[in-house]
Amino acid sequence: MTQYSKIYRVIHWAIAFTFLFLLLTILLRLTWLNKYNVAEIIDKYIEDKEVVLSQEELIKLAKKIRQPMWIWHNYAGYVLVGLFSLRFALPFFGEMKFQNPLSRGLSMTEKFKKWTYVVFYFCVIVSLTTGLIIVWGPKTIKKSMEEIHELGTYYLIGFIAIHISGVLFAEFTKDKGIVSRIFSGSKK
């Protein structure tokens, strides 16, 4: 039965909540705070004021309205860079060991679990790198980096679904108490 140290639990939940916050900003951008939706709201509002703005001006204004959300998205991205840097450094100090899917004697379930983490970590590194390039890199490659970065939504949702399903499967089969241990560190 795996016990989770305090540092493991803190890093795990800090990463989880940061990802959920990032996902919230993405979902808001794709839904309620979509630039076209916001532009339409502005257009309807100013229509009564006898002010006329072009669609391009409405979109610019909509982007300015949602800009603070993207500033927070960037801050959360920086936090995630720090958390993952810590996550990848901790194995050198005996905490949060690396997932090695090539270890001998692993069951198919264990190999799947470890490969899932390897793929997830690779995708996270790509997302964080492209995010940093979007903010700090040359503007000539910004558009292509944004296209790659936006794909992160799909792996993140997929990983969350696989992770929660796997945890629940483990909780109700061979690893009872796994949920308690990730909260408290010991089986309750």
Protein backbone atom coordinates (compact mmCIF):
# COMPACT_ATOMS: atom_id res chain seq x y z
CA MET A 1 0.00 0.00 0.00
CA THR A 2 1.46 3.32 -1.11
CA GLN A 3 1.79 6.02 1.54
CA TYR A 4 2.00 9.62 0.34
CA SER A 5 4.34 12.02 2.12
CA LYS A 6 3.23 15.53 2.98
CA ILE A 7 5.37 17.07 0.20
CA TYR A 8 3.90 14.60 -2.29
CA ARG A 9 0.34 15.50 -1.27
CA VAL A 10 0.99 19.26 -1.30
CA ILE A 11 2.59 19.12 -4.78
CA HIS A 12 -0.15 16.80 -6.08
CA TRP A 13 -2.99 19.07 -4.94
CA ALA A 14 -1.21 22.30 -5.92
CA ILE A 15 -0.74 20.92 -9.44
CA ALA A 16 -4.34 19.65 -9.53
CA PHE A 17 -5.86 22.98 -8.45
CA THR A 18 -3.62 24.96 -10.77
CA PHE A 19 -4.67 22.77 -13.69
CA LEU A 20 -8.33 23.15 -12.74
CA PHE A 21 -7.93 26.95 -12.64
CA LEU A 22 -6.23 26.92 -16.05
CA LEU A 23 -9.00 24.70 -17.40
CA LEU A 24 -11.60 27.13 -16.03
CA THR A 25 -9.98 30.04 -17.89
CA ILE A 26 -9.90 27.98 -21.08
CA LEU A 27 -13.54 26.94 -20.74
CA LEU A 28 -14.59 30.54 -20.05
CA ARG A 29 -12.72 31.65 -23.16
CA LEU A 30 -14.48 29.03 -25.24
CA THR A 31 -17.95 29.74 -23.83
CA TRP A 32 -19.28 32.79 -21.94
CA LEU A 33 -16.21 34.95 -22.48
CA ASN A 34 -15.77 34.03 -26.12
CA LYS A 35 -14.74 37.24 -27.89
CA TYR A 36 -17.72 37.03 -30.26
CA ASN A 37 -20.20 36.59 -27.40
CA VAL A 38 -18.72 39.50 -25.48
CA ALA A 39 -18.67 41.65 -28.64
CA GLU A 40 -22.36 40.87 -29.19
CA ILE A 41 -23.21 41.87 -25.61
CA ILE A 42 -21.34 45.15 -26.04
CA ASP A 43 -23.03 45.77 -29.39
CA LYS A 44 -26.50 45.23 -27.89
CA TYR A 45 -25.66 47.51 -24.98
CA ILE A 46 -24.34 50.41 -27.04
CA GLU A 47 -27.12 50.06 -29.60
CA ASP A 48 -29.44 51.88 -27.17
CA LYS A 49 -26.84 54.63 -26.74
CA GLU A 50 -26.75 55.37 -30.45
CA VAL A 51 -23.06 54.45 -30.60
CA VAL A 52 -21.86 52.40 -33.54
CA LEU A 53 -18.69 50.31 -33.48
CA SER A 54 -17.43 48.06 -36.26
CA GLN A 55 -17.15 44.30 -35.63
CA GLU A 56 -13.36 44.71 -35.47
CA GLU A 57 -13.66 47.42 -32.78
CA LEU A 58 -16.15 45.27 -30.84
CA ILE A 59 -13.74 42.31 -30.92
CA LYS A 60 -10.85 44.53 -29.72
CA LEU A 61 -13.00 45.79 -26.85
CA ALA A 62 -14.11 42.24 -25.99
CA LYS A 63 -10.45 41.14 -25.86
CA LYS A 64 -9.65 44.04 -23.51
CA ILE A 65 -12.52 43.03 -21.22
CA ARG A 66 -11.26 39.47 -20.91
CA GLN A 67 -7.57 40.44 -20.74
CA PRO A 68 -7.42 40.22 -16.90
CA MET A 69 -8.51 36.58 -17.14
CA TRP A 70 -5.53 35.88 -19.45
CA ILE A 71 -3.19 37.65 -17.09
CA TRP A 72 -4.33 35.20 -14.39
CA HIS A 73 -4.00 32.34 -16.89
CA ASN A 74 -0.37 33.38 -17.41
CA TYR A 75 0.26 33.64 -13.65
CA ALA A 76 -1.16 30.16 -13.17
CA GLY A 77 1.10 28.95 -15.99
CA TYR A 78 4.14 30.37 -14.17
CA VAL A 79 3.00 28.65 -10.96
CA LEU A 80 2.70 25.39 -12.90
CA VAL A 81 6.22 25.82 -14.32
CA GLY A 82 7.47 26.17 -10.75
CA LEU A 83 5.44 23.23 -9.46
CA PHE A 84 6.58 20.92 -12.26
CA SER A 85 10.19 22.03 -11.85
CA LEU A 86 9.85 21.07 -8.20
CA ARG A 87 8.04 17.86 -9.16
CA PHE A 88 10.89 16.83 -11.47
CA ALA A 89 13.58 17.82 -8.94
CA LEU A 90 12.07 15.97 -5.95
CA PRO A 91 13.06 12.44 -7.07
CA PHE A 92 16.70 13.50 -6.67
CA PHE A 93 15.89 14.10 -2.99
CA GLY A 94 14.06 10.79 -2.49
CA GLU A 95 10.53 12.14 -2.95
CA MET A 96 7.99 11.53 -5.73
CA LYS A 97 9.87 8.89 -7.67
CA PHE A 98 9.96 8.87 -11.46
CA GLN A 99 7.43 6.67 -13.22
CA ASN A 100 9.41 4.02 -15.14
CA PRO A 101 7.12 2.00 -17.43
CA LEU A 102 10.08 -0.15 -18.50
CA SER A 103 10.68 -1.63 -15.03
CA ARG A 104 10.65 -5.42 -14.96
CA GLY A 105 7.81 -7.36 -13.42
CA LEU A 106 5.11 -4.73 -13.87
CA SER A 107 1.55 -5.82 -14.53
CA MET A 108 -0.20 -4.47 -17.63
CA THR A 109 -2.18 -2.14 -15.36
CA GLU A 110 1.00 -0.76 -13.80
CA LYS A 111 2.62 -0.32 -17.22
CA PHE A 112 -0.47 1.51 -18.50
CA LYS A 113 -0.49 3.73 -15.44
CA LYS A 114 3.20 4.58 -15.75
CA TRP A 115 3.01 5.18 -19.53
CA THR A 116 0.00 7.45 -18.95
CA TYR A 117 2.11 9.57 -16.61
CA VAL A 118 5.06 9.65 -19.03
CA VAL A 119 2.78 10.85 -21.84
CA PHE A 120 1.08 13.33 -19.49
CA TYR A 121 4.42 14.78 -18.34
CA PHE A 122 5.58 15.08 -21.96
CA CYS A 123 2.36 16.93 -22.88
CA VAL A 124 2.71 19.21 -19.85
CA ILE A 125 6.29 20.08 -20.84
CA VAL A 126 5.09 20.90 -24.38
CA SER A 127 2.22 23.03 -23.01
CA LEU A 128 4.42 24.92 -20.57
CA THR A 129 7.15 25.46 -23.16
CA THR A 130 4.74 26.71 -25.81
CA GLY A 131 3.02 28.93 -23.23
CA LEU A 132 6.33 30.52 -22.30
CA ILE A 133 7.22 30.99 -25.97
CA ILE A 134 3.84 32.65 -26.61
CA VAL A 135 4.51 35.18 -23.84
CA TRP A 136 8.29 35.64 -24.11
CA GLY A 137 9.29 34.28 -27.51
CA PRO A 138 9.54 35.84 -30.94
CA LYS A 139 6.25 37.07 -32.35
CA THR A 140 7.00 35.35 -35.67
CA ILE A 141 6.22 31.93 -34.18
CA LYS A 142 3.51 33.02 -31.74
CA LYS A 143 0.59 31.80 -33.92
CA SER A 144 2.05 28.30 -34.41
CA MET A 145 2.86 28.04 -30.69
CA GLU A 146 -0.72 29.08 -29.83
CA GLU A 147 -2.09 26.31 -32.07
CA ILE A 148 0.05 23.71 -30.30
CA HIS A 149 -0.66 25.22 -26.87
CA GLU A 150 -4.44 25.11 -27.40
CA LEU A 151 -4.26 21.34 -27.99
CA GLY A 152 -3.35 21.06 -24.30
CA THR A 153 -7.03 21.34 -23.43
CA TYR A 154 -7.66 17.93 -24.96
CA TYR A 155 -4.89 16.00 -23.22
CA LEU A 156 -5.73 17.72 -19.93
CA ILE A 157 -9.40 16.74 -20.05
CA GLY A 158 -8.41 13.23 -21.17
CA PHE A 159 -5.85 12.86 -18.40
CA ILE A 160 -8.26 14.11 -15.74
CA ALA A 161 -10.87 11.57 -16.90
CA ILE A 162 -8.34 8.69 -16.97
CA HIS A 163 -6.81 9.74 -13.63
CA ILE A 164 -10.13 9.99 -11.76
CA SER A 165 -11.40 6.76 -13.34
CA GLY A 166 -8.19 4.96 -12.40
CA VAL A 167 -8.28 6.26 -8.83
CA LEU A 168 -11.91 5.23 -8.39
CA PHE A 169 -11.23 1.82 -9.93
CA ALA A 170 -8.29 1.34 -7.54
CA GLU A 171 -10.33 2.58 -4.57
CA PHE A 172 -13.11 0.08 -5.20
CA THR A 173 -10.90 -2.88 -6.10
CA LYS A 174 -7.35 -3.65 -4.98
CA ASP A 175 -6.17 -0.36 -3.46
CA LYS A 176 -8.85 0.57 -0.95
CA GLY A 177 -8.04 3.77 0.90
CA ILE A 178 -6.06 5.41 -1.91
CA VAL A 179 -8.37 8.45 -1.80
CA SER A 180 -7.92 8.84 1.98
CA ARG A 181 -4.15 8.52 1.66
CA ILE A 182 -3.83 11.27 -0.97
CA PHE A 183 -5.69 13.61 1.42
CA SER A 184 -4.27 12.60 4.77
CA GLY A 185 -1.21 10.51 3.99
CA SER A 186 -2.52 7.44 5.81
CA LYS A 187 -5.39 5.01 5.41
CA LYS A 188 -8.45 5.94 7.42
